[in-house]
Amino acid sequence: MLRKIWILICCSTLIWSGIHPHDYFTWFLEVLPALIGLLVLWKTEKSFPLTPLVYTLILIHMIILMIGGHYTYAEVPFFNTLKEVFGFTRNNYDKIGHFAQGFVPAMIARELFIRKRLINSKAWENFLIVTFCLGFSAFYELIEWGVALASGESAEAFLGTQGYIWDTQSDMALALVGAVLALLTLRKVHDRQLKVLG
């Protein structure tokens, strides 16, 4: 039942995001990681099913990507409203995305590390998970840079810097905060679900 609800929410959001997005090039770039994630989950569903917690986090991250793809990260309406109400200088929806870019991969990595018994030490496990998330975030920033160089002005919506000179650094910092926070807050729930999986 939960699987069907997950698929329904994911597919509905994907279809909605693809209907008259801000521009299709940006939509494709923003939604591509979610599509790759869907393919990986479909291929591994039977051989390596994940905990409900991790599936839920992945769904939330995919929704964040799809909303960003539909509007572009700099134009998400609710965050434009927040910008006006609180006097922010930019639309901060992209910061939610980069926080999730640390929070969600941290739990995916934790599940893989524990279930595959890759590391014996909890301290090293946590350190390597956070390091992985930072590396992943930095790699994504390099991808954004490469796309910007290759496509010129049309990549501005994909980059979403909005004139903020510390955008790349703050993106990676939020991924770091997300990874650490996930490990601190979700460990017990995750451990319980891992025991059920065996």
C-alpha atoms as a PDB file:
ATOM      1  CA  MET A   1       0.000   0.000   0.000  1.00  0.00           C
ATOM      2  CA  LEU A   2       2.749   2.469   0.985  1.00  0.00           C
ATOM      3  CA  ARG A   3       4.617   1.591  -2.206  1.00  0.00           C
ATOM      4  CA  LYS A   4       1.579   2.536  -4.312  1.00  0.00           C
ATOM      5  CA  ILE A   5       1.133   5.830  -2.448  1.00  0.00           C
ATOM      6  CA  TRP A   6       4.859   6.593  -2.896  1.00  0.00           C
ATOM      7  CA  ILE A   7       4.656   5.896  -6.647  1.00  0.00           C
ATOM      8  CA  LEU A   8       1.433   7.929  -6.993  1.00  0.00           C
ATOM      9  CA  ILE A   9       2.901  10.965  -5.213  1.00  0.00           C
ATOM     10  CA  CYS A  10       6.164  10.753  -7.145  1.00  0.00           C
ATOM     11  CA  CYS A  11       4.565  10.322 -10.576  1.00  0.00           C
ATOM     12  CA  SER A  12       1.905  12.984  -9.937  1.00  0.00           C
ATOM     13  CA  THR A  13       4.547  15.503  -8.878  1.00  0.00           C
ATOM     14  CA  LEU A  14       6.728  14.628 -11.870  1.00  0.00           C
ATOM     15  CA  ILE A  15       3.825  15.088 -14.302  1.00  0.00           C
ATOM     16  CA  TRP A  16       2.797  18.374 -12.647  1.00  0.00           C
ATOM     17  CA  SER A  17       6.367  19.674 -12.752  1.00  0.00           C
ATOM     18  CA  GLY A  18       6.629  18.954 -16.469  1.00  0.00           C
ATOM     19  CA  ILE A  19       3.456  20.886 -17.385  1.00  0.00           C
ATOM     20  CA  HIS A  20       4.447  24.378 -18.524  1.00  0.00           C
ATOM     21  CA  PRO A  21       7.630  24.707 -16.460  1.00  0.00           C
ATOM     22  CA  HIS A  22       9.569  27.985 -16.448  1.00  0.00           C
ATOM     23  CA  ASP A  23      11.699  26.499 -19.242  1.00  0.00           C
ATOM     24  CA  TYR A  24      12.204  22.917 -20.323  1.00  0.00           C
ATOM     25  CA  PHE A  25      16.014  23.023 -20.343  1.00  0.00           C
ATOM     26  CA  THR A  26      16.139  23.995 -16.663  1.00  0.00           C
ATOM     27  CA  TRP A  27      13.333  21.561 -15.848  1.00  0.00           C
ATOM     28  CA  PHE A  28      15.289  18.706 -17.429  1.00  0.00           C
ATOM     29  CA  LEU A  29      18.499  19.614 -15.590  1.00  0.00           C
ATOM     30  CA  GLU A  30      16.746  19.886 -12.229  1.00  0.00           C
ATOM     31  CA  VAL A  31      14.586  16.775 -12.592  1.00  0.00           C
ATOM     32  CA  LEU A  32      17.286  14.524 -14.089  1.00  0.00           C
ATOM     33  CA  PRO A  33      18.715  13.463 -10.678  1.00  0.00           C
ATOM     34  CA  ALA A  34      15.208  12.419  -9.578  1.00  0.00           C
ATOM     35  CA  LEU A  35      14.743  10.395 -12.771  1.00  0.00           C
ATOM     36  CA  ILE A  36      18.108   8.698 -12.243  1.00  0.00           C
ATOM     37  CA  GLY A  37      17.082   7.991  -8.645  1.00  0.00           C
ATOM     38  CA  LEU A  38      13.801   6.456  -9.811  1.00  0.00           C
ATOM     39  CA  LEU A  39      15.657   4.182 -12.224  1.00  0.00           C
ATOM     40  CA  VAL A  40      18.091   3.051  -9.508  1.00  0.00           C
ATOM     41  CA  LEU A  41      15.247   2.390  -7.047  1.00  0.00           C
ATOM     42  CA  TRP A  42      13.315   0.424  -9.663  1.00  0.00           C
ATOM     43  CA  LYS A  43      16.375  -1.704 -10.498  1.00  0.00           C
ATOM     44  CA  THR A  44      17.232  -2.413  -6.838  1.00  0.00           C
ATOM     45  CA  GLU A  45      13.729  -2.672  -5.349  1.00  0.00           C
ATOM     46  CA  LYS A  46      13.754  -6.463  -5.078  1.00  0.00           C
ATOM     47  CA  SER A  47      17.468  -7.119  -4.622  1.00  0.00           C
ATOM     48  CA  PHE A  48      18.096  -4.364  -2.049  1.00  0.00           C
ATOM     49  CA  PRO A  49      14.882  -2.853  -0.624  1.00  0.00           C
ATOM     50  CA  LEU A  50      15.428   0.159   1.602  1.00  0.00           C
ATOM     51  CA  THR A  51      13.842   1.139   4.901  1.00  0.00           C
ATOM     52  CA  PRO A  52      10.566   3.098   4.772  1.00  0.00           C
ATOM     53  CA  LEU A  53      12.408   6.061   6.307  1.00  0.00           C
ATOM     54  CA  VAL A  54      14.937   6.213   3.481  1.00  0.00           C
ATOM     55  CA  TYR A  55      12.265   5.724   0.809  1.00  0.00           C
ATOM     56  CA  THR A  56      10.287   8.603   2.355  1.00  0.00           C
ATOM     57  CA  LEU A  57      13.339  10.872   2.473  1.00  0.00           C
ATOM     58  CA  ILE A  58      14.144  10.073  -1.157  1.00  0.00           C
ATOM     59  CA  LEU A  59      10.562  10.951  -2.133  1.00  0.00           C
ATOM     60  CA  ILE A  60      10.778  14.286  -0.300  1.00  0.00           C
ATOM     61  CA  HIS A  61      14.074  15.067  -2.017  1.00  0.00           C
ATOM     62  CA  MET A  62      12.597  14.187  -5.414  1.00  0.00           C
ATOM     63  CA  ILE A  63       9.637  16.499  -4.758  1.00  0.00           C
ATOM     64  CA  ILE A  64      12.042  19.318  -3.846  1.00  0.00           C
ATOM     65  CA  LEU A  65      13.884  18.745  -7.139  1.00  0.00           C
ATOM     66  CA  MET A  66      10.664  18.643  -9.163  1.00  0.00           C
ATOM     67  CA  ILE A  67       9.306  21.854  -7.627  1.00  0.00           C
ATOM     68  CA  GLY A  68      12.650  23.531  -8.317  1.00  0.00           C
ATOM     69  CA  GLY A  69      12.544  22.224 -11.869  1.00  0.00           C
ATOM     70  CA  HIS A  70       9.045  23.544 -12.471  1.00  0.00           C
ATOM     71  CA  TYR A  71       9.566  27.088 -11.215  1.00  0.00           C
ATOM     72  CA  THR A  72      13.406  27.260 -11.160  1.00  0.00           C
ATOM     73  CA  TYR A  73      14.933  27.524  -7.718  1.00  0.00           C
ATOM     74  CA  ALA A  74      15.010  31.323  -7.873  1.00  0.00           C
ATOM     75  CA  GLU A  75      11.280  31.669  -8.606  1.00  0.00           C
ATOM     76  CA  VAL A  76       9.390  29.290  -6.285  1.00  0.00           C
ATOM     77  CA  PRO A  77       6.314  31.405  -5.392  1.00  0.00           C
ATOM     78  CA  PHE A  78       6.069  30.648  -1.664  1.00  0.00           C
ATOM     79  CA  PHE A  79       9.724  31.567  -1.194  1.00  0.00           C
ATOM     80  CA  ASN A  80       9.195  34.776  -3.183  1.00  0.00           C
ATOM     81  CA  THR A  81       6.484  35.606  -0.640  1.00  0.00           C
ATOM     82  CA  LEU A  82       8.893  34.865   2.222  1.00  0.00           C
ATOM     83  CA  LYS A  83      11.458  37.058   0.492  1.00  0.00           C
ATOM     84  CA  GLU A  84       9.015  39.979   0.469  1.00  0.00           C
ATOM     85  CA  VAL A  85       7.666  39.423   3.997  1.00  0.00           C
ATOM     86  CA  PHE A  86      11.067  39.083   5.664  1.00  0.00           C
ATOM     87  CA  GLY A  87      13.029  41.401   3.373  1.00  0.00           C
ATOM     88  CA  PHE A  88      15.387  38.725   2.075  1.00  0.00           C
ATOM     89  CA  THR A  89      17.555  39.707  -0.873  1.00  0.00           C
ATOM     90  CA  ARG A  90      16.967  36.405  -2.689  1.00  0.00           C
ATOM     91  CA  ASN A  91      14.577  33.478  -3.036  1.00  0.00           C
ATOM     92  CA  ASN A  92      16.055  30.850  -0.693  1.00  0.00           C
ATOM     93  CA  TYR A  93      14.309  27.728  -2.019  1.00  0.00           C
ATOM     94  CA  ASP A  94      17.627  26.468  -3.379  1.00  0.00           C
ATOM     95  CA  LYS A  95      18.963  26.396   0.184  1.00  0.00           C
ATOM     96  CA  ILE A  96      16.222  23.885   1.087  1.00  0.00           C
ATOM     97  CA  GLY A  97      17.436  21.774  -1.831  1.00  0.00           C
ATOM     98  CA  HIS A  98      21.060  21.898  -0.733  1.00  0.00           C
ATOM     99  CA  PHE A  99      20.149  21.100   2.871  1.00  0.00           C
ATOM    100  CA  ALA A 100      18.272  18.044   1.542  1.00  0.00           C
ATOM    101  CA  GLN A 101      21.315  17.228  -0.598  1.00  0.00           C
ATOM    102  CA  GLY A 102      23.147  16.493   2.653  1.00  0.00           C
ATOM    103  CA  PHE A 103      20.261  15.240   4.800  1.00  0.00           C
ATOM    104  CA  VAL A 104      18.932  12.566   2.437  1.00  0.00           C
ATOM    105  CA  PRO A 105      22.209  11.129   1.055  1.00  0.00           C
ATOM    106  CA  ALA A 106      23.473  10.841   4.647  1.00  0.00           C
ATOM    107  CA  MET A 107      20.714   8.375   5.462  1.00  0.00           C
ATOM    108  CA  ILE A 108      21.134   6.505   2.168  1.00  0.00           C
ATOM    109  CA  ALA A 109      24.871   6.186   2.823  1.00  0.00           C
ATOM    110  CA  ARG A 110      24.238   5.142   6.434  1.00  0.00           C
ATOM    111  CA  GLU A 111      21.898   2.400   5.285  1.00  0.00           C
ATOM    112  CA  LEU A 112      24.400   1.115   2.738  1.00  0.00           C
ATOM    113  CA  PHE A 113      27.322   1.252   5.180  1.00  0.00           C
ATOM    114  CA  ILE A 114      25.420  -0.620   7.900  1.00  0.00           C
ATOM    115  CA  ARG A 115      23.729  -3.233   5.747  1.00  0.00           C
ATOM    116  CA  LYS A 116      26.836  -3.971   3.695  1.00  0.00           C
ATOM    117  CA  ARG A 117      28.951  -3.930   6.883  1.00  0.00           C
ATOM    118  CA  LEU A 118      31.495  -1.668   5.216  1.00  0.00           C
ATOM    119  CA  ILE A 119      32.819  -0.047   8.401  1.00  0.00           C
ATOM    120  CA  ASN A 120      33.126  -1.422  11.939  1.00  0.00           C
ATOM    121  CA  SER A 121      33.671   1.845  13.805  1.00  0.00           C
ATOM    122  CA  LYS A 122      30.641   4.114  14.374  1.00  0.00           C
ATOM    123  CA  ALA A 123      32.900   7.173  14.579  1.00  0.00           C
ATOM    124  CA  TRP A 124      34.516   6.373  11.225  1.00  0.00           C
ATOM    125  CA  GLU A 125      31.104   5.534   9.779  1.00  0.00           C
ATOM    126  CA  ASN A 126      29.723   8.961  10.723  1.00  0.00           C
ATOM    127  CA  PHE A 127      32.874  10.728   9.534  1.00  0.00           C
ATOM    128  CA  LEU A 128      32.812   8.969   6.163  1.00  0.00           C
ATOM    129  CA  ILE A 129      29.081   9.595   5.702  1.00  0.00           C
ATOM    130  CA  VAL A 130      29.539  13.328   6.282  1.00  0.00           C
ATOM    131  CA  THR A 131      32.619  13.328   4.034  1.00  0.00           C
ATOM    132  CA  PHE A 132      30.654  11.515   1.319  1.00  0.00           C
ATOM    133  CA  CYS A 133      27.851  14.090   1.542  1.00  0.00           C
ATOM    134  CA  LEU A 134      30.300  16.991   1.318  1.00  0.00           C
ATOM    135  CA  GLY A 135      32.017  15.333  -1.645  1.00  0.00           C
ATOM    136  CA  PHE A 136      28.671  14.749  -3.343  1.00  0.00           C
ATOM    137  CA  SER A 137      27.681  18.380  -2.776  1.00  0.00           C
ATOM    138  CA  ALA A 138      30.999  19.646  -4.166  1.00  0.00           C
ATOM    139  CA  PHE A 139      30.648  17.325  -7.174  1.00  0.00           C
ATOM    140  CA  TYR A 140      27.173  18.732  -7.853  1.00  0.00           C
ATOM    141  CA  GLU A 141      28.580  22.273  -7.720  1.00  0.00           C
ATOM    142  CA  LEU A 142      31.173  21.232 -10.318  1.00  0.00           C
ATOM    143  CA  ILE A 143      28.390  19.835 -12.510  1.00  0.00           C
ATOM    144  CA  GLU A 144      26.512  23.147 -12.217  1.00  0.00           C
ATOM    145  CA  TRP A 145      29.686  25.010 -13.189  1.00  0.00           C
ATOM    146  CA  GLY A 146      30.257  22.708 -16.179  1.00  0.00           C
ATOM    147  CA  VAL A 147      26.673  23.154 -17.378  1.00  0.00           C
ATOM    148  CA  ALA A 148      27.014  26.927 -17.038  1.00  0.00           C
ATOM    149  CA  LEU A 149      30.200  26.928 -19.128  1.00  0.00           C
ATOM    150  CA  ALA A 150      28.702  24.646 -21.763  1.00  0.00           C
ATOM    151  CA  SER A 151      25.347  26.373 -22.132  1.00  0.00           C
ATOM    152  CA  GLY A 152      26.115  30.011 -21.397  1.00  0.00           C
ATOM    153  CA  GLU A 153      23.307  32.305 -20.320  1.00  0.00           C
ATOM    154  CA  SER A 154      20.645  29.618 -20.492  1.00  0.00           C
ATOM    155  CA  ALA A 155      22.161  27.987 -17.398  1.00  0.00           C
ATOM    156  CA  GLU A 156      21.535  30.995 -15.129  1.00  0.00           C
ATOM    157  CA  ALA A 157      18.214  29.543 -13.964  1.00  0.00           C
ATOM    158  CA  PHE A 158      19.934  26.213 -13.268  1.00  0.00           C
ATOM    159  CA  LEU A 159      22.708  27.841 -11.241  1.00  0.00           C
ATOM    160  CA  GLY A 160      20.291  30.031  -9.295  1.00  0.00           C
ATOM    161  CA  THR A 161      23.025  32.108  -7.641  1.00  0.00           C
ATOM    162  CA  GLN A 162      20.857  35.252  -7.783  1.00  0.00           C
ATOM    163  CA  GLY A 163      23.972  37.411  -7.511  1.00  0.00           C
ATOM    164  CA  TYR A 164      25.081  35.880  -4.199  1.00  0.00           C
ATOM    165  CA  ILE A 165      28.881  35.538  -4.352  1.00  0.00           C
ATOM    166  CA  TRP A 166      29.013  32.885  -1.610  1.00  0.00           C
ATOM    167  CA  ASP A 167      26.306  30.719  -3.182  1.00  0.00           C
ATOM    168  CA  THR A 168      28.542  27.702  -3.817  1.00  0.00           C
ATOM    169  CA  GLN A 169      30.073  27.799  -0.347  1.00  0.00           C
ATOM    170  CA  SER A 170      26.731  28.240   1.411  1.00  0.00           C
ATOM    171  CA  ASP A 171      25.264  25.386  -0.660  1.00  0.00           C
ATOM    172  CA  MET A 172      28.001  23.042   0.537  1.00  0.00           C
ATOM    173  CA  ALA A 173      27.722  24.311   4.119  1.00  0.00           C
ATOM    174  CA  LEU A 174      23.988  23.543   4.123  1.00  0.00           C
ATOM    175  CA  ALA A 175      24.664  20.046   2.780  1.00  0.00           C
ATOM    176  CA  LEU A 176      27.120  19.591   5.668  1.00  0.00           C
ATOM    177  CA  VAL A 177      24.546  20.800   8.209  1.00  0.00           C
ATOM    178  CA  GLY A 178      21.911  18.535   6.641  1.00  0.00           C
ATOM    179  CA  ALA A 179      24.158  15.468   6.826  1.00  0.00           C
ATOM    180  CA  VAL A 180      25.133  16.062  10.453  1.00  0.00           C
ATOM    181  CA  LEU A 181      21.548  16.823  11.490  1.00  0.00           C
ATOM    182  CA  ALA A 182      20.235  13.668   9.792  1.00  0.00           C
ATOM    183  CA  LEU A 183      22.772  11.519  11.633  1.00  0.00           C
ATOM    184  CA  LEU A 184      21.960  13.169  14.962  1.00  0.00           C
ATOM    185  CA  THR A 185      18.160  13.090  14.696  1.00  0.00           C
ATOM    186  CA  LEU A 186      17.238   9.984  12.690  1.00  0.00           C
ATOM    187  CA  ARG A 187      19.674   7.358  13.986  1.00  0.00           C
ATOM    188  CA  LYS A 188      17.279   5.668  16.443  1.00  0.00           C
ATOM    189  CA  VAL A 189      14.335   5.522  14.028  1.00  0.00           C
ATOM    190  CA  HIS A 190      16.623   4.267  11.285  1.00  0.00           C
ATOM    191  CA  ASP A 191      18.158   1.591  13.530  1.00  0.00           C
ATOM    192  CA  ARG A 192      14.690   0.274  14.450  1.00  0.00           C
ATOM    193  CA  GLN A 193      13.710   0.003  10.787  1.00  0.00           C
ATOM    194  CA  LEU A 194      17.019  -1.648   9.900  1.00  0.00           C
ATOM    195  CA  LYS A 195      16.327  -4.341  12.520  1.00  0.00           C
ATOM    196  CA  VAL A 196      12.956  -5.065  10.896  1.00  0.00           C
ATOM    197  CA  LEU A 197      14.670  -5.480   7.512  1.00  0.00           C
ATOM    198  CA  GLY A 198      17.123  -7.894   9.112  1.00  0.00           C
END
